Amino acid sequence: MTALSAKESESERTCIVTRRREPPEAMIRFVRGPDGVVVPDIRAKLPGRGVWVGARADLVAEAAKKRMFARGLKEQVETPPDLAADVARLLETDCLQMLALANKAGAATCGFNKVEDTLAKGGTAVLLQAADGGADGKRKLRQIARRAGGERHENDGVPAIVGLFTSSQLDLALGRTNVIHAALAFGGPGASFLARCRRLAAYRGVALDGAPLAAQMMQDGQPDAEGRPDQMDVTGSEAAEDRKLDE
């Protein structure tokens, strides 16, 4: 699960679609497999000649449609029809594997109440919220995270919010059941997980919290229909989560 080397990160690569030069971590490398099929090399470790595409699904789809891989690799290759979707699945799996490692390292906290306490104490780098979790619980934890960060007057006091995965995906990665909320501590695997999530979000064309980019103009701290921005009740899903995790 090693990330790109420091030397590699300092260099730049040229996208075969846009011709723009970008750092490797903002791109996807592709190579020709032994069977002549284009293979995504998301960790940039496979041997042989490689070509690079900006880490966006539409760019990968365009490169496949216009047969740009053959020109870039300078040999005949077969491009899978669902290459863009294959890359998305690989990036997603890479994120979840790193999350599992973070959990094994003791960097993860799960359950609404435990995450709430962790956020209030500070030191949280990533707030994970299941894409299919309840909206009220999400808003409450985001408000707690922002208040805690503001009180400490630290630029990194407010954790990054990741909402790219479903509850079932979080269950498998964290080895628990009914995970709706989780938190990761600063440093180590948490930082590596966040870097992978940023690339996945960019590839999907969404914000890190999973929302469409246009939706970022909306503020999470808006009051509800009764004008109570900070007094939301924990929904049934969050309560069930805590019961499961405490068993």
C-alpha atoms as a PDB file:
ATOM      1  CA  MET A   1       0.000   0.000   0.000  1.00  0.00           C
ATOM      2  CA  THR A   2       2.968   2.293  -0.478  1.00  0.00           C
ATOM      3  CA  ALA A   3       2.257   5.679  -2.007  1.00  0.00           C
ATOM      4  CA  LEU A   4       4.189   7.286  -4.839  1.00  0.00           C
ATOM      5  CA  SER A   5       7.839   7.855  -3.959  1.00  0.00           C
ATOM      6  CA  ALA A   6       9.027  11.357  -3.058  1.00  0.00           C
ATOM      7  CA  LYS A   7      11.166  11.498  -6.181  1.00  0.00           C
ATOM      8  CA  GLU A   8       8.211  10.535  -8.370  1.00  0.00           C
ATOM      9  CA  SER A   9       5.959  13.092  -6.677  1.00  0.00           C
ATOM     10  CA  GLU A  10       8.357  15.912  -7.557  1.00  0.00           C
ATOM     11  CA  SER A  11       8.158  15.145 -11.282  1.00  0.00           C
ATOM     12  CA  GLU A  12       5.318  15.748 -13.702  1.00  0.00           C
ATOM     13  CA  ARG A  13       3.678  13.681 -16.408  1.00  0.00           C
ATOM     14  CA  THR A  14       1.783  14.678 -19.558  1.00  0.00           C
ATOM     15  CA  CYS A  15      -1.853  13.646 -19.992  1.00  0.00           C
ATOM     16  CA  ILE A  16      -2.347  12.001 -23.394  1.00  0.00           C
ATOM     17  CA  VAL A  17      -5.792  13.602 -23.671  1.00  0.00           C
ATOM     18  CA  THR A  18      -5.335  17.206 -22.546  1.00  0.00           C
ATOM     19  CA  ARG A  19      -1.528  17.412 -23.024  1.00  0.00           C
ATOM     20  CA  ARG A  20      -1.345  19.153 -19.658  1.00  0.00           C
ATOM     21  CA  ARG A  21       1.530  18.347 -17.307  1.00  0.00           C
ATOM     22  CA  GLU A  22       0.566  17.428 -13.756  1.00  0.00           C
ATOM     23  CA  PRO A  23       2.088  15.598 -10.771  1.00  0.00           C
ATOM     24  CA  PRO A  24       1.646  11.797 -10.878  1.00  0.00           C
ATOM     25  CA  GLU A  25      -0.702  11.760  -7.892  1.00  0.00           C
ATOM     26  CA  ALA A  26      -3.210  13.779  -9.934  1.00  0.00           C
ATOM     27  CA  MET A  27      -3.132  11.278 -12.795  1.00  0.00           C
ATOM     28  CA  ILE A  28      -3.633   7.605 -13.637  1.00  0.00           C
ATOM     29  CA  ARG A  29      -0.907   5.525 -15.290  1.00  0.00           C
ATOM     30  CA  PHE A  30      -1.731   2.835 -17.847  1.00  0.00           C
ATOM     31  CA  VAL A  31       0.437   0.056 -19.261  1.00  0.00           C
ATOM     32  CA  ARG A  32       0.069  -2.738 -21.801  1.00  0.00           C
ATOM     33  CA  GLY A  33      -0.597  -6.034 -20.060  1.00  0.00           C
ATOM     34  CA  PRO A  34       0.960  -9.363 -21.143  1.00  0.00           C
ATOM     35  CA  ASP A  35      -2.223 -10.184 -23.067  1.00  0.00           C
ATOM     36  CA  GLY A  36      -2.129  -6.891 -24.964  1.00  0.00           C
ATOM     37  CA  VAL A  37      -4.934  -5.282 -22.935  1.00  0.00           C
ATOM     38  CA  VAL A  38      -4.634  -1.800 -21.404  1.00  0.00           C
ATOM     39  CA  VAL A  39      -4.163  -2.109 -17.636  1.00  0.00           C
ATOM     40  CA  PRO A  40      -4.695   0.707 -15.099  1.00  0.00           C
ATOM     41  CA  ASP A  41      -1.645   1.086 -12.848  1.00  0.00           C
ATOM     42  CA  ILE A  42      -3.119   3.224 -10.073  1.00  0.00           C
ATOM     43  CA  ARG A  43      -0.024   2.937  -7.867  1.00  0.00           C
ATOM     44  CA  ALA A  44       2.381   3.613 -10.737  1.00  0.00           C
ATOM     45  CA  LYS A  45       4.442   0.534  -9.954  1.00  0.00           C
ATOM     46  CA  LEU A  46       4.005  -1.820 -12.922  1.00  0.00           C
ATOM     47  CA  PRO A  47       7.011  -2.303 -15.232  1.00  0.00           C
ATOM     48  CA  GLY A  48       7.192  -1.273 -18.859  1.00  0.00           C
ATOM     49  CA  ARG A  49       6.248   1.764 -20.906  1.00  0.00           C
ATOM     50  CA  GLY A  50       3.350   3.693 -19.451  1.00  0.00           C
ATOM     51  CA  VAL A  51       1.077   6.539 -20.464  1.00  0.00           C
ATOM     52  CA  TRP A  52      -0.738   8.960 -18.186  1.00  0.00           C
ATOM     53  CA  VAL A  53      -4.264  10.342 -18.121  1.00  0.00           C
ATOM     54  CA  GLY A  54      -5.653  13.006 -15.811  1.00  0.00           C
ATOM     55  CA  ALA A  55      -7.494  11.385 -12.896  1.00  0.00           C
ATOM     56  CA  ARG A  56     -10.996  11.991 -14.240  1.00  0.00           C
ATOM     57  CA  ALA A  57     -13.439   9.426 -15.539  1.00  0.00           C
ATOM     58  CA  ASP A  58     -14.361  11.521 -18.574  1.00  0.00           C
ATOM     59  CA  LEU A  59     -10.716  11.784 -19.644  1.00  0.00           C
ATOM     60  CA  VAL A  60     -10.158   8.039 -19.339  1.00  0.00           C
ATOM     61  CA  ALA A  61     -13.327   7.404 -21.355  1.00  0.00           C
ATOM     62  CA  GLU A  62     -12.180   9.847 -24.029  1.00  0.00           C
ATOM     63  CA  ALA A  63      -8.743   8.246 -24.260  1.00  0.00           C
ATOM     64  CA  ALA A  64     -10.386   4.854 -24.750  1.00  0.00           C
ATOM     65  CA  LYS A  65     -12.909   6.098 -27.305  1.00  0.00           C
ATOM     66  CA  LYS A  66     -10.270   7.856 -29.418  1.00  0.00           C
ATOM     67  CA  ARG A  67      -7.744   4.984 -29.219  1.00  0.00           C
ATOM     68  CA  MET A  68      -5.165   7.207 -27.585  1.00  0.00           C
ATOM     69  CA  PHE A  69      -3.587   4.394 -25.577  1.00  0.00           C
ATOM     70  CA  ALA A  70      -2.230   2.665 -28.684  1.00  0.00           C
ATOM     71  CA  ARG A  71      -0.653   5.894 -29.916  1.00  0.00           C
ATOM     72  CA  GLY A  72       0.831   6.699 -26.534  1.00  0.00           C
ATOM     73  CA  LEU A  73       2.177   3.194 -25.917  1.00  0.00           C
ATOM     74  CA  LYS A  74       3.348   2.938 -29.541  1.00  0.00           C
ATOM     75  CA  GLU A  75       1.960  -0.559 -30.002  1.00  0.00           C
ATOM     76  CA  GLN A  76      -1.318  -2.320 -30.649  1.00  0.00           C
ATOM     77  CA  VAL A  77      -3.431  -2.692 -27.532  1.00  0.00           C
ATOM     78  CA  GLU A  78      -6.971  -3.689 -26.678  1.00  0.00           C
ATOM     79  CA  THR A  79      -8.918  -1.234 -24.569  1.00  0.00           C
ATOM     80  CA  PRO A  80     -11.607  -2.706 -22.275  1.00  0.00           C
ATOM     81  CA  PRO A  81     -15.038  -1.195 -23.030  1.00  0.00           C
ATOM     82  CA  ASP A  82     -15.620  -0.317 -19.359  1.00  0.00           C
ATOM     83  CA  LEU A  83     -12.119   0.975 -18.631  1.00  0.00           C
ATOM     84  CA  ALA A  84     -13.303   4.181 -16.933  1.00  0.00           C
ATOM     85  CA  ALA A  85     -15.557   2.201 -14.593  1.00  0.00           C
ATOM     86  CA  ASP A  86     -12.773  -0.314 -13.929  1.00  0.00           C
ATOM     87  CA  VAL A  87     -10.483   2.506 -12.818  1.00  0.00           C
ATOM     88  CA  ALA A  88     -13.172   3.866 -10.487  1.00  0.00           C
ATOM     89  CA  ARG A  89     -13.514   0.464  -8.820  1.00  0.00           C
ATOM     90  CA  LEU A  90      -9.749   0.141  -8.404  1.00  0.00           C
ATOM     91  CA  LEU A  91      -9.470   3.594  -6.839  1.00  0.00           C
ATOM     92  CA  GLU A  92     -12.357   2.811  -4.517  1.00  0.00           C
ATOM     93  CA  THR A  93     -10.808  -0.501  -3.461  1.00  0.00           C
ATOM     94  CA  ASP A  94      -7.474   1.220  -2.865  1.00  0.00           C
ATOM     95  CA  CYS A  95      -9.161   3.694  -0.505  1.00  0.00           C
ATOM     96  CA  LEU A  96     -10.977   0.998   1.453  1.00  0.00           C
ATOM     97  CA  GLN A  97      -7.857  -1.133   1.799  1.00  0.00           C
ATOM     98  CA  MET A  98      -6.024   1.833   3.299  1.00  0.00           C
ATOM     99  CA  LEU A  99      -8.981   2.426   5.625  1.00  0.00           C
ATOM    100  CA  ALA A 100      -8.699  -1.183   6.791  1.00  0.00           C
ATOM    101  CA  LEU A 101      -5.004  -0.638   7.498  1.00  0.00           C
ATOM    102  CA  ALA A 102      -5.806   2.522   9.452  1.00  0.00           C
ATOM    103  CA  ASN A 103      -8.284   0.534  11.511  1.00  0.00           C
ATOM    104  CA  LYS A 104      -5.729  -2.202  12.231  1.00  0.00           C
ATOM    105  CA  ALA A 105      -3.284   0.494  13.327  1.00  0.00           C
ATOM    106  CA  GLY A 106      -5.812   1.698  15.902  1.00  0.00           C
ATOM    107  CA  ALA A 107      -6.416   5.018  14.146  1.00  0.00           C
ATOM    108  CA  ALA A 108     -10.188   4.561  13.640  1.00  0.00           C
ATOM    109  CA  THR A 109     -13.090   5.370  15.954  1.00  0.00           C
ATOM    110  CA  CYS A 110     -16.606   4.157  15.087  1.00  0.00           C
ATOM    111  CA  GLY A 111     -20.113   4.899  16.339  1.00  0.00           C
ATOM    112  CA  PHE A 112     -22.007   8.172  16.571  1.00  0.00           C
ATOM    113  CA  ASN A 113     -21.421   8.828  20.276  1.00  0.00           C
ATOM    114  CA  LYS A 114     -17.755   7.825  20.193  1.00  0.00           C
ATOM    115  CA  VAL A 115     -17.100   9.920  17.102  1.00  0.00           C
ATOM    116  CA  GLU A 116     -18.910  12.858  18.719  1.00  0.00           C
ATOM    117  CA  ASP A 117     -16.628  12.628  21.773  1.00  0.00           C
ATOM    118  CA  THR A 118     -13.530  12.284  19.588  1.00  0.00           C
ATOM    119  CA  LEU A 119     -14.434  15.352  17.543  1.00  0.00           C
ATOM    120  CA  ALA A 120     -15.056  17.437  20.639  1.00  0.00           C
ATOM    121  CA  LYS A 121     -11.602  16.564  21.977  1.00  0.00           C
ATOM    122  CA  GLY A 122      -9.835  17.462  18.713  1.00  0.00           C
ATOM    123  CA  GLY A 123      -7.100  15.535  16.951  1.00  0.00           C
ATOM    124  CA  THR A 124      -9.378  14.100  14.257  1.00  0.00           C
ATOM    125  CA  ALA A 125      -8.063  14.274  10.699  1.00  0.00           C
ATOM    126  CA  VAL A 126     -10.918  12.608   8.836  1.00  0.00           C
ATOM    127  CA  LEU A 127     -14.638  12.395   9.574  1.00  0.00           C
ATOM    128  CA  LEU A 128     -16.177   9.478   7.662  1.00  0.00           C
ATOM    129  CA  GLN A 129     -19.901   9.496   7.003  1.00  0.00           C
ATOM    130  CA  ALA A 130     -21.730   6.760   5.111  1.00  0.00           C
ATOM    131  CA  ALA A 131     -23.266   7.987   1.868  1.00  0.00           C
ATOM    132  CA  ASP A 132     -26.514   6.279   2.826  1.00  0.00           C
ATOM    133  CA  GLY A 133     -26.546   7.537   6.433  1.00  0.00           C
ATOM    134  CA  GLY A 134     -29.094   9.874   7.991  1.00  0.00           C
ATOM    135  CA  ALA A 135     -28.814  13.579   7.158  1.00  0.00           C
ATOM    136  CA  ASP A 136     -29.468  14.880  10.690  1.00  0.00           C
ATOM    137  CA  GLY A 137     -26.643  12.898  12.248  1.00  0.00           C
ATOM    138  CA  LYS A 138     -24.262  14.052   9.545  1.00  0.00           C
ATOM    139  CA  ARG A 139     -25.132  17.709  10.112  1.00  0.00           C
ATOM    140  CA  LYS A 140     -24.740  17.434  13.868  1.00  0.00           C
ATOM    141  CA  LEU A 141     -21.269  15.887  13.677  1.00  0.00           C
ATOM    142  CA  ARG A 142     -20.128  18.427  11.083  1.00  0.00           C
ATOM    143  CA  GLN A 143     -21.217  21.259  13.344  1.00  0.00           C
ATOM    144  CA  ILE A 144     -19.384  19.733  16.306  1.00  0.00           C
ATOM    145  CA  ALA A 145     -16.230  19.326  14.212  1.00  0.00           C
ATOM    146  CA  ARG A 146     -16.347  22.935  13.034  1.00  0.00           C
ATOM    147  CA  ARG A 147     -16.988  24.325  16.487  1.00  0.00           C
ATOM    148  CA  ALA A 148     -14.133  22.298  17.956  1.00  0.00           C
ATOM    149  CA  GLY A 149     -11.774  23.443  15.211  1.00  0.00           C
ATOM    150  CA  GLY A 150     -12.810  27.076  15.629  1.00  0.00           C
ATOM    151  CA  GLU A 151     -12.268  27.001  19.361  1.00  0.00           C
ATOM    152  CA  ARG A 152      -8.702  25.799  18.853  1.00  0.00           C
ATOM    153  CA  HIS A 153      -8.000  28.407  16.164  1.00  0.00           C
ATOM    154  CA  GLU A 154      -6.075  25.837  14.132  1.00  0.00           C
ATOM    155  CA  ASN A 155      -6.121  25.670  10.345  1.00  0.00           C
ATOM    156  CA  ASP A 156      -6.179  21.889  10.534  1.00  0.00           C
ATOM    157  CA  GLY A 157      -8.578  21.752  13.445  1.00  0.00           C
ATOM    158  CA  VAL A 158     -11.588  20.944  11.263  1.00  0.00           C
ATOM    159  CA  PRO A 159     -11.315  17.415   9.870  1.00  0.00           C
ATOM    160  CA  ALA A 160     -11.829  16.594   6.223  1.00  0.00           C
ATOM    161  CA  ILE A 161     -15.270  15.082   5.670  1.00  0.00           C
ATOM    162  CA  VAL A 162     -15.385  11.963   3.479  1.00  0.00           C
ATOM    163  CA  GLY A 163     -18.734  10.667   2.266  1.00  0.00           C
ATOM    164  CA  LEU A 164     -17.713   8.526  -0.703  1.00  0.00           C
ATOM    165  CA  PHE A 165     -18.625   5.090   0.666  1.00  0.00           C
ATOM    166  CA  THR A 166     -21.767   3.254   1.711  1.00  0.00           C
ATOM    167  CA  SER A 167     -22.354   1.806   5.142  1.00  0.00           C
ATOM    168  CA  SER A 168     -21.797  -1.735   3.854  1.00  0.00           C
ATOM    169  CA  GLN A 169     -18.423  -0.722   2.404  1.00  0.00           C
ATOM    170  CA  LEU A 170     -17.405   0.852   5.712  1.00  0.00           C
ATOM    171  CA  ASP A 171     -18.568  -2.294   7.512  1.00  0.00           C
ATOM    172  CA  LEU A 172     -16.214  -4.478   5.484  1.00  0.00           C
ATOM    173  CA  ALA A 173     -13.240  -2.128   5.763  1.00  0.00           C
ATOM    174  CA  LEU A 174     -13.629  -1.555   9.505  1.00  0.00           C
ATOM    175  CA  GLY A 175     -14.697  -5.078  10.449  1.00  0.00           C
ATOM    176  CA  ARG A 176     -17.907  -3.928  12.144  1.00  0.00           C
ATOM    177  CA  THR A 177     -21.614  -3.815  11.402  1.00  0.00           C
ATOM    178  CA  ASN A 178     -23.886  -0.889  10.611  1.00  0.00           C
ATOM    179  CA  VAL A 179     -21.115   1.731  10.472  1.00  0.00           C
ATOM    180  CA  ILE A 180     -22.561   5.151   9.661  1.00  0.00           C
ATOM    181  CA  HIS A 181     -19.905   7.409  11.211  1.00  0.00           C
ATOM    182  CA  ALA A 182     -16.190   6.965  11.847  1.00  0.00           C
ATOM    183  CA  ALA A 183     -13.199   9.166  12.587  1.00  0.00           C
ATOM    184  CA  LEU A 184      -9.491   8.806  11.803  1.00  0.00           C
ATOM    185  CA  ALA A 185      -6.660  10.320  13.803  1.00  0.00           C
ATOM    186  CA  PHE A 186      -3.949  12.526  12.310  1.00  0.00           C
ATOM    187  CA  GLY A 187      -0.886  11.098  10.597  1.00  0.00           C
ATOM    188  CA  GLY A 188       0.163   7.752   9.181  1.00  0.00           C
ATOM    189  CA  PRO A 189      -2.523   5.688   7.461  1.00  0.00           C
ATOM    190  CA  GLY A 190      -5.147   8.386   8.013  1.00  0.00           C
ATOM    191  CA  ALA A 191      -3.203  10.817   5.835  1.00  0.00           C
ATOM    192  CA  SER A 192      -2.652   8.155   3.171  1.00  0.00           C
ATOM    193  CA  PHE A 193      -6.347   7.294   3.197  1.00  0.00           C
ATOM    194  CA  LEU A 194      -7.315  10.936   2.773  1.00  0.00           C
ATOM    195  CA  ALA A 195      -4.941  11.390  -0.183  1.00  0.00           C
ATOM    196  CA  ARG A 196      -6.499   8.394  -1.911  1.00  0.00           C
ATOM    197  CA  CYS A 197     -10.000   9.692  -1.219  1.00  0.00           C
ATOM    198  CA  ARG A 198      -9.160  13.046  -2.777  1.00  0.00           C
ATOM    199  CA  ARG A 199      -8.091  11.307  -5.969  1.00  0.00           C
ATOM    200  CA  LEU A 200     -11.230   9.143  -6.006  1.00  0.00           C
ATOM    201  CA  ALA A 201     -13.469  12.188  -5.523  1.00  0.00           C
ATOM    202  CA  ALA A 202     -11.694  14.050  -8.323  1.00  0.00           C
ATOM    203  CA  TYR A 203     -12.051  11.025 -10.581  1.00  0.00           C
ATOM    204  CA  ARG A 204     -15.784  10.805  -9.900  1.00  0.00           C
ATOM    205  CA  GLY A 205     -16.203  14.560 -10.309  1.00  0.00           C
ATOM    206  CA  VAL A 206     -17.694  15.056  -6.849  1.00  0.00           C
ATOM    207  CA  ALA A 207     -16.695  16.783  -3.634  1.00  0.00           C
ATOM    208  CA  LEU A 208     -14.838  14.847  -0.950  1.00  0.00           C
ATOM    209  CA  ASP A 209     -18.043  14.480   1.043  1.00  0.00           C
ATOM    210  CA  GLY A 210     -19.692  12.867  -1.984  1.00  0.00           C
ATOM    211  CA  ALA A 211     -21.916  15.811  -2.907  1.00  0.00           C
ATOM    212  CA  PRO A 212     -22.059  17.181  -6.460  1.00  0.00           C
ATOM    213  CA  LEU A 213     -19.562  20.001  -6.782  1.00  0.00           C
ATOM    214  CA  ALA A 214     -22.334  22.524  -7.510  1.00  0.00           C
ATOM    215  CA  ALA A 215     -23.913  21.646  -4.169  1.00  0.00           C
ATOM    216  CA  GLN A 216     -20.905  22.976  -2.256  1.00  0.00           C
ATOM    217  CA  MET A 217     -22.515  26.429  -2.326  1.00  0.00           C
ATOM    218  CA  MET A 218     -25.026  25.116   0.199  1.00  0.00           C
ATOM    219  CA  GLN A 219     -23.940  25.368   3.821  1.00  0.00           C
ATOM    220  CA  ASP A 220     -24.265  22.408   6.163  1.00  0.00           C
ATOM    221  CA  GLY A 221     -25.012  24.725   9.058  1.00  0.00           C
ATOM    222  CA  GLN A 222     -28.328  25.984   7.724  1.00  0.00           C
ATOM    223  CA  PRO A 223     -31.155  25.678  10.257  1.00  0.00           C
ATOM    224  CA  ASP A 224     -33.785  23.018   9.831  1.00  0.00           C
ATOM    225  CA  ALA A 225     -37.456  23.697   9.124  1.00  0.00           C
ATOM    226  CA  GLU A 226     -37.971  24.738  12.750  1.00  0.00           C
ATOM    227  CA  GLY A 227     -34.895  26.966  12.891  1.00  0.00           C
ATOM    228  CA  ARG A 228     -32.739  24.721  15.099  1.00  0.00           C
ATOM    229  CA  PRO A 229     -29.290  24.457  13.543  1.00  0.00           C
ATOM    230  CA  ASP A 230     -27.513  22.833  16.488  1.00  0.00           C
ATOM    231  CA  GLN A 231     -30.243  20.837  18.202  1.00  0.00           C
ATOM    232  CA  MET A 232     -30.833  17.960  15.787  1.00  0.00           C
ATOM    233  CA  ASP A 233     -31.827  14.634  17.294  1.00  0.00           C
ATOM    234  CA  VAL A 234     -29.857  11.524  16.496  1.00  0.00           C
ATOM    235  CA  THR A 235     -31.800   9.584  13.876  1.00  0.00           C
ATOM    236  CA  GLY A 236     -32.788   5.952  14.182  1.00  0.00           C
ATOM    237  CA  SER A 237     -29.878   4.833  12.005  1.00  0.00           C
ATOM    238  CA  GLU A 238     -27.324   6.540  14.243  1.00  0.00           C
ATOM    239  CA  ALA A 239     -28.918   5.123  17.397  1.00  0.00           C
ATOM    240  CA  ALA A 240     -28.917   1.642  15.882  1.00  0.00           C
ATOM    241  CA  GLU A 241     -25.282   2.096  14.925  1.00  0.00           C
ATOM    242  CA  ASP A 242     -24.254   2.856  18.484  1.00  0.00           C
ATOM    243  CA  ARG A 243     -26.182  -0.123  19.835  1.00  0.00           C
ATOM    244  CA  LYS A 244     -24.444  -2.441  17.374  1.00  0.00           C
ATOM    245  CA  LEU A 245     -20.979  -1.059  18.060  1.00  0.00           C
ATOM    246  CA  ASP A 246     -21.400  -1.221  21.832  1.00  0.00           C
ATOM    247  CA  GLU A 247     -22.517  -4.863  21.824  1.00  0.00           C
END
